[in-house]
Amino acid sequence: MGGPREIEAFLIPTAYRAALLYFYYLTIYNRAMVEKKVTGPASYFPSIEKKYGKPIEHWMKELKKVSKLAHMEQVAHLKEKFEMGHGHANAIVAVFRQKNGL
């Protein structure tokens, strides 16, 4: 190896390259985390909360009261008692039953 100038010239591009790779990694990793889409019945949750003005946890507590009922009976309960649409009620019941091993 040569003198200090040659070492300095070698290190600067390497450090710069490492910083760029690290920045690129963070950008890709964060994008993957942000863009991870919710799928299935839970994808309805934001619109359910917006439409009915209650958090999903509220609906889970309501279903706990009727947890002995069958799936479609729970759906009917939400539809009749809270005037919830079929798709929204079905989505909440599906997630409730999955989380509670029903």
Protein backbone atom coordinates (compact mmCIF):
# COMPACT_ATOMS: atom_id res chain seq x y z
CA MET A 1 0.00 0.00 0.00
CA GLY A 2 1.03 3.51 -0.59
CA GLY A 3 1.04 6.55 1.63
CA PRO A 4 -1.78 8.18 3.62
CA ARG A 5 -3.30 9.78 0.54
CA GLU A 6 -3.89 6.42 -1.13
CA ILE A 7 -5.42 4.95 2.05
CA GLU A 8 -7.66 8.00 2.44
CA ALA A 9 -8.74 7.76 -1.20
CA PHE A 10 -9.60 4.08 -0.69
CA LEU A 11 -11.54 4.54 2.55
CA ILE A 12 -13.76 7.43 1.54
CA PRO A 13 -15.44 5.65 -1.37
CA THR A 14 -15.81 2.49 0.73
CA ALA A 15 -17.47 4.37 3.60
CA TYR A 16 -19.65 6.25 1.14
CA ARG A 17 -20.63 3.00 -0.58
CA ALA A 18 -21.47 1.39 2.77
CA ALA A 19 -23.62 4.37 3.74
CA LEU A 20 -25.49 4.19 0.45
CA LEU A 21 -26.10 0.46 0.82
CA TYR A 22 -27.32 0.95 4.37
CA PHE A 23 -29.66 3.76 3.28
CA TYR A 24 -30.94 1.60 0.42
CA TYR A 25 -31.55 -1.31 2.81
CA LEU A 26 -33.50 0.91 5.22
CA THR A 27 -35.57 2.36 2.40
CA ILE A 28 -36.52 -1.05 1.03
CA TYR A 29 -37.14 -2.51 4.51
CA ASN A 30 -39.33 0.42 5.60
CA ARG A 31 -41.27 0.37 2.34
CA ALA A 32 -42.00 -3.32 2.83
CA MET A 33 -43.20 -2.66 6.37
CA VAL A 34 -45.41 0.27 5.35
CA GLU A 35 -46.84 -1.37 2.26
CA LYS A 36 -47.76 -4.60 4.03
CA LYS A 37 -51.47 -4.78 3.25
CA VAL A 38 -54.03 -6.20 5.60
CA THR A 39 -56.03 -8.86 3.80
CA GLY A 40 -59.01 -11.01 4.60
CA PRO A 41 -61.85 -10.05 6.93
CA ALA A 42 -59.66 -7.64 8.94
CA SER A 43 -59.29 -5.46 5.83
CA TYR A 44 -62.84 -4.26 6.52
CA PHE A 45 -61.97 -2.94 9.98
CA PRO A 46 -61.05 0.67 9.05
CA SER A 47 -64.33 1.18 7.20
CA ILE A 48 -66.30 -0.52 10.00
CA GLU A 49 -64.79 1.80 12.58
CA LYS A 50 -65.49 4.81 10.38
CA LYS A 51 -69.07 3.85 9.53
CA TYR A 52 -70.25 2.78 12.99
CA GLY A 53 -68.07 5.11 15.08
CA LYS A 54 -66.83 2.37 17.43
CA PRO A 55 -63.45 0.64 17.64
CA ILE A 56 -63.26 -3.02 16.66
CA GLU A 57 -62.64 -3.92 20.29
CA HIS A 58 -66.18 -2.69 21.06
CA TRP A 59 -67.61 -5.19 18.58
CA MET A 60 -65.41 -7.97 19.96
CA LYS A 61 -66.83 -7.30 23.44
CA GLU A 62 -70.36 -7.42 22.05
CA LEU A 63 -69.64 -10.78 20.43
CA LYS A 64 -68.17 -12.12 23.65
CA LYS A 65 -71.66 -11.71 25.15
CA VAL A 66 -73.07 -14.06 22.49
CA SER A 67 -70.02 -16.30 22.02
CA LYS A 68 -72.11 -19.47 22.47
CA LEU A 69 -74.08 -18.74 19.28
CA ALA A 70 -73.14 -20.16 15.89
CA HIS A 71 -71.36 -18.00 13.32
CA MET A 72 -74.47 -16.95 11.38
CA GLU A 73 -76.40 -16.34 14.60
CA GLN A 74 -73.67 -13.95 15.71
CA VAL A 75 -73.84 -12.23 12.32
CA ALA A 76 -77.61 -11.91 12.69
CA HIS A 77 -77.15 -10.49 16.20
CA LEU A 78 -74.91 -7.68 14.92
CA LYS A 79 -77.22 -6.99 11.99
CA GLU A 80 -80.40 -6.86 14.08
CA LYS A 81 -79.15 -5.15 17.23
CA PHE A 82 -76.78 -2.64 15.61
CA GLU A 83 -78.14 -2.40 12.03
CA MET A 84 -74.77 -3.51 10.72
CA GLY A 85 -74.39 -4.60 7.11
CA HIS A 86 -73.93 -8.30 6.41
CA GLY A 87 -70.38 -8.03 5.09
CA HIS A 88 -69.19 -5.97 8.04
CA ALA A 89 -70.89 -8.23 10.57
CA ASN A 90 -69.51 -11.34 8.90
CA ALA A 91 -65.96 -9.92 8.88
CA ILE A 92 -66.05 -9.09 12.59
CA VAL A 93 -67.53 -12.48 13.50
CA ALA A 94 -64.93 -14.32 11.38
CA VAL A 95 -62.02 -12.59 13.13
CA PHE A 96 -63.65 -12.97 16.57
CA ARG A 97 -64.13 -16.69 16.07
CA GLN A 98 -60.61 -17.16 14.73
CA LYS A 99 -59.05 -15.29 17.67
CA ASN A 100 -61.12 -17.23 20.18
CA GLY A 101 -60.63 -20.65 18.61
CA LEU A 102 -64.30 -21.07 17.75
